[in-house]
Structures are given as C-alpha cells and as structure tokens.
Amino acid sequence: MRLKQWFPLVVAVLCLWLPIGCAGYDLSRSAARNSAGAESSKNHPASESIKVLHYVSGKLGDKGFFDSAERGIKKAQFVYGFETLTIEADPKPAVRKSELDKLAASETYDVIVVSGMMEDVKELSGRYPKQRFIYYDGSIGGRPNVYTMRFSQSEGSFLAGAFAAMVTTSSSIKGTNPDKRIGFIGGMVGETINDFKYGYEQGALYIDPDIQVIASYVGDFVNKGKAKELAAMQYTSQKVDIIYNVAGLAGIGGLKAGHEAGKYTIGVDNNQNSLYPGSVLTSMLKNVDESVFRALSKFRGGSLPFGGTEVLSIKEGGVGIARDELYEKYVPEQIKEEMKAIEFKIANGEIKVKSILAE
C-alpha cells in the first residue's frame, strides 16, 4: 500500500467568506460558484476540519478516471480546508479489501471516497455503520451510510458514437476510407463497459443505420501494449477510421496506435485530446472531478442523500464531450454544429438514450 502524504490545510480562511446554501448545485458552474454553495451541517461546522480519505482502487496517472476523481478531492481540500489523504490500493483484490476494512474500522475519516470495489463497500458499510462512504460510478442501494453516484455513460457514449459515425462518413476529414466502420476498445467485458458500448452503438446508428461497430477487449485496464495491438488491427485489417477508447490506462496504447496509423480516436473519462493532437479528435467526459467535489460540498452542507444513488447525465453536466482549442481546430464546423444539436436534444428529452443499467 502506497500512502500519499497528508495535505495541509490550505486557504481555510476562504470558508469564512463563502455564503451558505448548496442546494441546486450545477456541475457546469465555475470553481468560484461551486465553492459559493456549502452550508455547514450540525455535525460538521465550518470551523471543524473534515477528514476525507480517497481510496484509489487503481492507479493515479491514468490521465482519466482516477486522476479526475483526485482533482475533485484536491479541489475540496483547497476550497474548504478539508484534511485529505489519498491511498493507491494494492492491486491484489484480497489485500485491497483487507486494507479498506482496516481503514473503515479505524473510524479516522468522516467519509471515505472510493470506486471500483462495490461488493466490498456493500459488505464493509454493513459492518461499520458509523463509517460513511461516497462511492463514485456505481449503484449501492439500501445502505444508509453510503451515497453513490452513477454517470450516464450511455448518454456520453451516444455522443461519442454519433461523432465517430460523422467522422467515418465525412468527406472533409483527411484519411477516412469508404467503409462505414468505427471501432470500440473496452477494458473488460462487464455491465459498465457494455453500457458504454450500447450507448456508442445507439449514437452511431442515429447518424447512419449502416454503420458497423467493431469491438475488441483488452482483458484489463492497464495493458497498453495489448490495447495498441488491438487498435492497430482494427485500423488495418478491419478498416475502421476512428476508435473509441474505453480501456482506462490501457487505452492510452490505443490512442497511440491511432496516431501512428494516421487515424482517429476518441478519449474517455478525461480530456485526452492533447495526448495526440489532431488524432484524438474529442473525448467523452465523465465529469468525475466536479461530481466528487459536488458530493463533498453537499456532505459538508449536510444535504448529501445517503442511502440512494444519483444518476448524473448530460442534463446535470455529469457527462459530455471535450470541446477545447484542439477540437475547434481539427473538427469540421458541420460536425461541431450537429454535435451541439444532438447534445441539446438529449438534454431536453427529444432523444431518448437507453441504458443496460437502467433501474
């Protein structure tokens, strides 16, 4: 187990300046507006430091999911003066569970923020009812000490699929072939990754019912070499023009394959456009950082709905696509305009995106 050092209290005096009331928090607001809404609960007055543990069930440095969550933790530390500790877990599941068990049993932390260990959190939350958990990217119902948030990856992936379909059928993007094929590389087969794929397929078929989606799976979320090999095969023998990376750290290898082949990719979870400018055309964003910060803001204000799950969709700003200067530079105007229209239609309910995780 590798421990990150305790972060010192930073700009705690900001807490004295912040007006109260965090109801109606909007993920799309700026940091200043995010910090403006946070009413202290009776259990956690502003003068009392809240201790937050981020238990990372993977590795930081993935330039995606876990890095994004860590930014949310650090933002809460900066804005509210929380005491935060980040632990990167042991890769062995049994050891990981034992570590989390000891941490929960210690009753040191006001809240433990974690993902990727759903069954373990279910068990430990029952064993330690006084320990509160924030679980990001999943659903754990019926636990009064657990709050879970789930991102509508099917909606975000619908955007990615529509985008990929427009790229492969575009006459204004260099290097595309006549075949209506787009790629998908997942980490491991499972409900969450399948939901990404399901949304991706829906988005592609919305643009053109003749689009084919070619899917491959790495078998884990760390093997960059395997992901690169699978992507290269899709580009060469299966004639895809663009691949959607849903393989975590391993997916970086797929992005590299797209760059080397002179083809295109779509990043995931975090904005990965800058890794290979002009090749990574956009990224499907799970706004984990703002969502974790939102949850901690509500926890501080005593309004976090423990015992339930919130689904954060396009409408709430939970998911979307990366529109930065590289997107503006490399994506044709017609595609950009169509993407805006599609996103608006999903947000207002005109387009209904199905999810295999629908409850």
Protein backbone atom coordinates (compact mmCIF):
# COMPACT_ATOMS: atom_id res chain seq x y z
CA MET A 1 0.00 0.00 0.00
CA ARG A 2 1.45 3.33 -1.01
CA LEU A 3 0.40 6.37 1.01
CA LYS A 4 0.22 9.90 -0.33
CA GLN A 5 1.20 12.46 2.30
CA TRP A 6 -1.49 14.25 4.28
CA PHE A 7 -2.22 17.52 2.53
CA PRO A 8 -2.02 20.59 4.79
CA LEU A 9 -4.96 22.85 5.36
CA VAL A 10 -4.96 25.39 2.57
CA VAL A 11 -6.68 28.74 2.49
CA ALA A 12 -9.08 27.69 5.23
CA VAL A 13 -9.89 31.33 5.67
CA LEU A 14 -11.91 31.04 2.45
CA CYS A 15 -14.50 29.18 4.46
CA LEU A 16 -15.27 32.42 6.28
CA TRP A 17 -16.09 34.15 3.01
CA LEU A 18 -18.37 31.57 1.47
CA PRO A 19 -22.12 32.22 1.54
CA ILE A 20 -24.29 29.35 2.67
CA GLY A 21 -26.68 27.15 0.72
CA CYS A 22 -25.55 24.39 -1.67
CA ALA A 23 -28.96 23.31 -2.95
CA GLY A 24 -29.37 23.22 -6.69
CA TYR A 25 -25.65 22.81 -7.37
CA ASP A 26 -24.84 22.97 -11.09
CA LEU A 27 -21.82 20.95 -12.28
CA SER A 28 -21.22 23.35 -15.14
CA ARG A 29 -20.54 26.31 -12.85
CA SER A 30 -17.10 27.70 -12.27
CA ALA A 31 -14.97 26.88 -9.24
CA ALA A 32 -15.98 30.16 -7.65
CA ARG A 33 -19.66 29.34 -7.96
CA ASN A 34 -19.08 25.76 -6.83
CA SER A 35 -17.41 26.99 -3.67
CA ALA A 36 -20.13 29.51 -3.03
CA GLY A 37 -22.67 26.92 -2.01
CA ALA A 38 -21.82 24.89 1.00
CA GLU A 39 -23.76 25.14 4.22
CA SER A 40 -22.15 23.53 7.21
CA SER A 41 -24.16 20.80 8.90
CA LYS A 42 -24.51 20.49 12.64
CA ASN A 43 -22.16 17.52 12.54
CA HIS A 44 -19.55 19.39 10.51
CA PRO A 45 -19.34 23.09 11.35
CA ALA A 46 -17.10 25.16 9.08
CA SER A 47 -14.60 25.59 11.89
CA GLU A 48 -14.14 21.83 12.20
CA SER A 49 -11.86 20.14 9.66
CA ILE A 50 -13.48 17.28 7.79
CA LYS A 51 -11.22 14.29 7.18
CA VAL A 52 -11.59 12.73 3.73
CA LEU A 53 -9.92 9.55 2.51
CA HIS A 54 -9.69 8.89 -1.23
CA TYR A 55 -9.09 5.16 -1.63
CA VAL A 56 -7.95 4.65 -5.23
CA SER A 57 -8.69 1.11 -6.38
CA GLY A 58 -6.48 1.61 -9.43
CA LYS A 59 -3.53 3.83 -10.22
CA LEU A 60 -3.20 7.57 -10.43
CA GLY A 61 -1.57 8.79 -13.62
CA ASP A 62 -4.22 7.23 -15.87
CA LYS A 63 -4.95 10.69 -17.36
CA GLY A 64 -8.59 9.76 -16.98
CA PHE A 65 -10.98 8.38 -14.36
CA PHE A 66 -8.90 8.22 -11.19
CA ASP A 67 -6.93 11.38 -11.95
CA SER A 68 -10.22 13.20 -12.43
CA ALA A 69 -11.57 11.98 -9.08
CA GLU A 70 -8.36 13.08 -7.38
CA ARG A 71 -8.79 16.58 -8.79
CA GLY A 72 -12.21 16.72 -7.13
CA ILE A 73 -10.66 15.70 -3.80
CA LYS A 74 -7.94 18.33 -4.09
CA LYS A 75 -10.46 20.97 -5.03
CA ALA A 76 -12.46 20.22 -1.87
CA GLN A 77 -9.24 20.43 0.15
CA PHE A 78 -8.39 23.79 -1.40
CA VAL A 79 -11.83 25.36 -1.20
CA TYR A 80 -13.00 24.07 2.19
CA GLY A 81 -9.76 23.27 4.01
CA PHE A 82 -10.59 19.57 4.29
CA GLU A 83 -7.87 17.25 5.55
CA THR A 84 -7.40 14.75 2.73
CA LEU A 85 -5.43 11.57 2.35
CA THR A 86 -5.08 9.60 -0.88
CA ILE A 87 -4.13 5.93 -0.87
CA GLU A 88 -3.39 3.93 -4.00
CA ALA A 89 -4.60 0.42 -3.24
CA ASP A 90 -2.71 -2.81 -3.62
CA PRO A 91 -3.55 -4.44 -6.98
CA LYS A 92 -4.47 -7.75 -5.31
CA PRO A 93 -8.25 -7.79 -4.58
CA ALA A 94 -7.92 -9.63 -1.27
CA VAL A 95 -5.24 -7.26 0.01
CA ARG A 96 -7.22 -4.27 -1.22
CA LYS A 97 -10.31 -5.37 0.69
CA SER A 98 -8.29 -6.00 3.86
CA GLU A 99 -6.76 -2.52 3.64
CA LEU A 100 -10.12 -0.84 3.23
CA ASP A 101 -11.51 -2.91 6.09
CA LYS A 102 -8.82 -1.61 8.45
CA LEU A 103 -9.29 1.96 7.28
CA ALA A 104 -13.06 1.82 7.80
CA ALA A 105 -12.65 0.15 11.20
CA SER A 106 -10.32 2.91 12.38
CA GLU A 107 -13.15 5.49 12.34
CA THR A 108 -10.48 8.08 11.47
CA TYR A 109 -12.25 9.53 8.44
CA ASP A 110 -15.52 11.42 8.24
CA VAL A 111 -16.03 10.00 4.77
CA ILE A 112 -14.23 7.54 2.52
CA VAL A 113 -14.40 8.26 -1.22
CA VAL A 114 -13.94 5.13 -3.33
CA SER A 115 -14.82 3.39 -6.59
CA GLY A 116 -14.30 0.00 -8.22
CA MET A 117 -14.99 -2.02 -5.05
CA MET A 118 -18.76 -2.22 -5.00
CA GLU A 119 -19.19 -5.59 -3.28
CA ASP A 120 -16.53 -4.75 -0.71
CA VAL A 121 -18.17 -1.42 0.13
CA LYS A 122 -21.55 -3.14 0.43
CA GLU A 123 -20.10 -5.54 2.98
CA LEU A 124 -17.98 -3.04 4.90
CA SER A 125 -20.70 -0.43 5.11
CA GLY A 126 -22.86 -3.01 6.87
CA ARG A 127 -20.07 -3.99 9.22
CA TYR A 128 -19.18 -0.39 10.06
CA PRO A 129 -22.46 1.55 10.06
CA LYS A 130 -20.83 4.69 11.51
CA GLN A 131 -18.39 4.98 8.62
CA ARG A 132 -19.76 6.99 5.72
CA PHE A 133 -18.82 6.32 2.11
CA ILE A 134 -19.07 8.23 -1.15
CA TYR A 135 -18.98 5.71 -3.98
CA TYR A 136 -18.45 7.18 -7.42
CA ASP A 137 -19.52 5.43 -10.60
CA GLY A 138 -21.87 2.76 -9.39
CA SER A 139 -25.10 1.99 -7.55
CA ILE A 140 -25.29 0.67 -3.99
CA GLY A 141 -28.79 0.87 -2.64
CA GLY A 142 -30.16 0.31 0.83
CA ARG A 143 -27.10 1.42 2.78
CA PRO A 144 -27.90 4.46 4.96
CA ASN A 145 -24.18 5.31 5.29
CA VAL A 146 -23.39 5.10 1.56
CA TYR A 147 -24.02 7.70 -1.13
CA THR A 148 -23.48 6.56 -4.70
CA MET A 149 -23.34 8.46 -7.95
CA ARG A 150 -23.59 6.92 -11.37
CA PHE A 151 -22.66 8.65 -14.59
CA SER A 152 -24.84 8.20 -17.63
CA GLN A 153 -22.08 6.72 -19.73
CA SER A 154 -24.70 5.57 -22.22
CA GLU A 155 -25.61 9.22 -22.94
CA GLY A 156 -21.98 10.29 -23.12
CA SER A 157 -21.18 7.34 -25.35
CA PHE A 158 -24.15 8.17 -27.58
CA LEU A 159 -22.34 11.45 -28.28
CA ALA A 160 -19.12 9.55 -28.99
CA GLY A 161 -20.92 7.17 -31.36
CA ALA A 162 -22.63 9.97 -33.25
CA PHE A 163 -19.31 11.79 -33.53
CA ALA A 164 -17.48 8.68 -34.76
CA ALA A 165 -20.18 7.98 -37.34
CA MET A 166 -19.93 11.51 -38.70
CA VAL A 167 -16.13 11.24 -38.90
CA THR A 168 -16.13 7.95 -40.81
CA THR A 169 -18.73 9.22 -43.30
CA SER A 170 -17.19 12.68 -43.71
CA SER A 171 -15.67 13.77 -46.99
CA SER A 172 -13.82 16.65 -45.37
CA ILE A 173 -11.68 14.67 -42.91
CA LYS A 174 -8.35 13.51 -44.27
CA GLY A 175 -7.60 9.79 -44.47
CA THR A 176 -11.06 8.29 -43.98
CA ASN A 177 -12.00 5.30 -46.14
CA PRO A 178 -15.33 4.42 -47.79
CA ASP A 179 -16.14 1.72 -45.23
CA LYS A 180 -18.75 2.69 -42.64
CA ARG A 181 -16.92 1.10 -39.72
CA ILE A 182 -15.98 2.51 -36.37
CA GLY A 183 -14.04 0.88 -33.55
CA PHE A 184 -14.53 0.31 -29.83
CA ILE A 185 -11.87 -0.94 -27.42
CA GLY A 186 -13.04 -1.84 -23.93
CA GLY A 187 -11.02 -2.85 -20.91
CA MET A 188 -13.01 -5.85 -19.71
CA VAL A 189 -16.42 -7.24 -20.57
CA GLY A 190 -18.88 -6.21 -17.90
CA GLU A 191 -22.07 -4.25 -17.34
CA THR A 192 -20.46 -0.82 -17.19
CA ILE A 193 -18.26 -1.29 -20.27
CA ASN A 194 -21.19 -2.86 -22.10
CA ASP A 195 -23.23 0.24 -21.28
CA PHE A 196 -20.55 2.39 -22.90
CA LYS A 197 -20.74 0.20 -25.99
CA TYR A 198 -24.54 0.21 -26.04
CA GLY A 199 -24.67 4.00 -26.00
CA TYR A 200 -21.92 4.20 -28.62
CA GLU A 201 -23.87 1.94 -30.96
CA GLN A 202 -27.07 3.93 -30.48
CA GLY A 203 -25.29 7.18 -31.36
CA ALA A 204 -23.68 5.70 -34.45
CA LEU A 205 -26.94 4.26 -35.76
CA TYR A 206 -28.70 7.56 -35.09
CA ILE A 207 -26.41 9.11 -37.72
CA ASP A 208 -26.36 6.22 -40.18
CA PRO A 209 -28.15 2.85 -39.77
CA ASP A 210 -25.48 1.17 -41.92
CA ILE A 211 -22.62 1.90 -39.52
CA GLN A 212 -20.81 -1.16 -38.16
CA VAL A 213 -19.18 -1.13 -34.72
CA ILE A 214 -16.08 -3.33 -34.37
CA ALA A 215 -15.41 -4.15 -30.71
CA SER A 216 -12.31 -5.58 -29.00
CA TYR A 217 -11.45 -6.05 -25.32
CA VAL A 218 -8.05 -5.82 -23.65
CA GLY A 219 -8.89 -8.08 -20.70
CA ASP A 220 -7.79 -5.49 -18.14
CA PHE A 221 -7.36 -1.73 -17.78
CA VAL A 222 -3.57 -1.49 -17.66
CA ASN A 223 -2.07 -3.33 -20.66
CA LYS A 224 -1.21 -0.52 -23.06
CA GLY A 225 0.63 -2.85 -25.42
CA LYS A 226 -2.39 -5.10 -25.86
CA ALA A 227 -4.68 -2.13 -26.46
CA LYS A 228 -2.27 -0.75 -29.05
CA GLU A 229 -2.15 -4.11 -30.81
CA LEU A 230 -5.94 -4.42 -30.90
CA ALA A 231 -6.33 -0.88 -32.22
CA ALA A 232 -3.72 -1.39 -34.92
CA MET A 233 -5.58 -4.50 -36.06
CA GLN A 234 -8.85 -2.61 -36.28
CA TYR A 235 -7.26 0.13 -38.35
CA THR A 236 -5.51 -2.21 -40.78
CA SER A 237 -7.47 -5.43 -41.24
CA GLN A 238 -10.91 -4.23 -40.16
CA LYS A 239 -10.76 -0.84 -41.90
CA VAL A 240 -12.06 1.41 -39.15
CA ASP A 241 -11.31 5.14 -39.28
CA ILE A 242 -11.86 6.01 -35.64
CA ILE A 243 -11.82 4.10 -32.33
CA TYR A 244 -13.48 4.91 -29.02
CA ASN A 245 -11.13 4.14 -26.12
CA VAL A 246 -12.90 2.73 -23.05
CA ALA A 247 -9.98 0.90 -21.51
CA GLY A 248 -8.64 3.20 -18.80
CA LEU A 249 -4.85 3.38 -18.63
CA ALA A 250 -4.56 0.58 -21.21
CA GLY A 251 -6.46 2.74 -23.67
CA ILE A 252 -3.51 5.12 -23.93
CA GLY A 253 -1.94 2.44 -26.10
CA GLY A 254 -4.96 2.54 -28.40
CA LEU A 255 -4.66 6.30 -28.73
CA LYS A 256 -1.01 5.89 -29.68
CA ALA A 257 -1.94 3.35 -32.35
CA GLY A 258 -4.36 5.84 -33.89
CA HIS A 259 -1.65 8.49 -34.01
CA GLU A 260 0.87 6.14 -35.59
CA ALA A 261 -1.65 4.92 -38.19
CA GLY A 262 -2.67 8.45 -39.17
CA LYS A 263 -6.18 7.63 -38.00
CA TYR A 264 -8.50 8.96 -35.31
CA THR A 265 -9.57 8.19 -31.76
CA ILE A 266 -11.96 9.35 -29.05
CA GLY A 267 -10.67 9.60 -25.48
CA VAL A 268 -12.63 8.74 -22.37
CA ASP A 269 -13.40 9.97 -18.84
CA ASN A 270 -10.98 12.89 -19.03
CA ASN A 271 -9.97 15.29 -21.82
CA GLN A 272 -7.30 13.28 -23.67
CA ASN A 273 -7.27 15.46 -26.80
CA SER A 274 -3.82 16.87 -26.07
CA LEU A 275 -2.15 13.45 -25.93
CA TYR A 276 -2.17 13.21 -29.73
CA PRO A 277 -3.47 16.48 -31.18
CA GLY A 278 -5.33 16.03 -34.44
CA SER A 279 -5.62 12.28 -33.90
CA VAL A 280 -7.62 12.31 -30.65
CA LEU A 281 -10.43 14.46 -32.01
CA THR A 282 -12.51 14.61 -28.84
CA SER A 283 -13.06 12.75 -25.56
CA MET A 284 -16.18 11.54 -23.81
CA LEU A 285 -16.10 13.20 -20.43
CA LYS A 286 -17.27 11.75 -17.18
CA ASN A 287 -17.00 14.87 -15.08
CA VAL A 288 -15.82 12.86 -12.09
CA ASP A 289 -13.86 15.76 -10.61
CA GLU A 290 -16.80 18.15 -10.43
CA SER A 291 -19.14 15.35 -9.34
CA VAL A 292 -16.88 14.30 -6.46
CA PHE A 293 -16.48 17.94 -5.46
CA ARG A 294 -20.26 18.37 -5.66
CA ALA A 295 -20.78 15.37 -3.38
CA LEU A 296 -18.25 16.63 -0.83
CA SER A 297 -19.87 20.08 -0.93
CA LYS A 298 -23.22 18.50 -0.15
CA PHE A 299 -21.65 16.34 2.56
CA ARG A 300 -20.22 19.44 4.21
CA GLY A 301 -23.63 21.09 4.00
CA GLY A 302 -25.45 18.08 5.41
CA SER A 303 -27.55 17.57 2.26
CA LEU A 304 -25.85 14.58 0.64
CA PRO A 305 -28.58 11.93 0.12
CA PHE A 306 -27.01 8.90 1.79
CA GLY A 307 -28.82 5.64 1.11
CA GLY A 308 -29.51 6.44 -2.53
CA THR A 309 -27.95 6.84 -5.96
CA GLU A 310 -27.88 9.89 -8.17
CA VAL A 311 -27.59 9.43 -11.92
CA LEU A 312 -25.64 12.31 -13.45
CA SER A 313 -26.48 12.76 -17.12
CA ILE A 314 -25.93 15.36 -19.83
CA LYS A 315 -28.68 17.48 -18.31
CA GLU A 316 -26.86 17.66 -14.96
CA GLY A 317 -23.47 18.17 -16.61
CA GLY A 318 -22.28 14.73 -15.47
CA VAL A 319 -21.17 13.67 -18.94
CA GLY A 320 -20.35 15.37 -22.23
CA ILE A 321 -17.60 15.72 -24.81
CA ALA A 322 -14.36 17.70 -24.72
CA ARG A 323 -14.58 20.90 -26.70
CA ASP A 324 -11.23 22.64 -26.42
CA GLU A 325 -8.97 24.55 -28.80
CA LEU A 326 -7.87 21.28 -30.44
CA TYR A 327 -11.48 20.26 -31.02
CA GLU A 328 -12.12 23.67 -32.55
CA LYS A 329 -9.04 23.35 -34.75
CA TYR A 330 -9.43 19.81 -36.10
CA VAL A 331 -13.16 19.07 -36.16
CA PRO A 332 -15.16 20.31 -39.19
CA GLU A 333 -17.72 23.01 -38.45
CA GLN A 334 -20.61 20.90 -39.71
CA ILE A 335 -19.84 18.13 -37.22
CA LYS A 336 -19.44 20.62 -34.36
CA GLU A 337 -22.83 22.12 -35.08
CA GLU A 338 -24.52 18.73 -35.33
CA MET A 339 -22.95 17.64 -32.03
CA LYS A 340 -24.40 20.71 -30.30
CA ALA A 341 -27.83 19.89 -31.68
CA ILE A 342 -27.63 16.24 -30.58
CA GLU A 343 -26.50 17.17 -27.07
CA PHE A 344 -29.37 19.64 -26.75
CA LYS A 345 -31.89 17.04 -27.92
CA ILE A 346 -30.66 14.52 -25.35
CA ALA A 347 -30.75 17.10 -22.55
CA ASN A 348 -34.35 18.12 -23.30
CA GLY A 349 -35.55 14.54 -23.80
CA GLU A 350 -36.10 14.69 -27.56
CA ILE A 351 -33.56 11.90 -27.99
CA LYS A 352 -34.01 9.02 -25.54
CA VAL A 353 -30.82 7.08 -24.86
CA LYS A 354 -31.26 3.58 -23.46
CA SER A 355 -29.01 2.09 -20.79
CA ILE A 356 -28.49 -1.53 -19.85
CA LEU A 357 -28.08 -0.27 -16.27
CA ALA A 358 -31.48 1.40 -16.12
CA GLU A 359 -33.09 0.77 -12.74
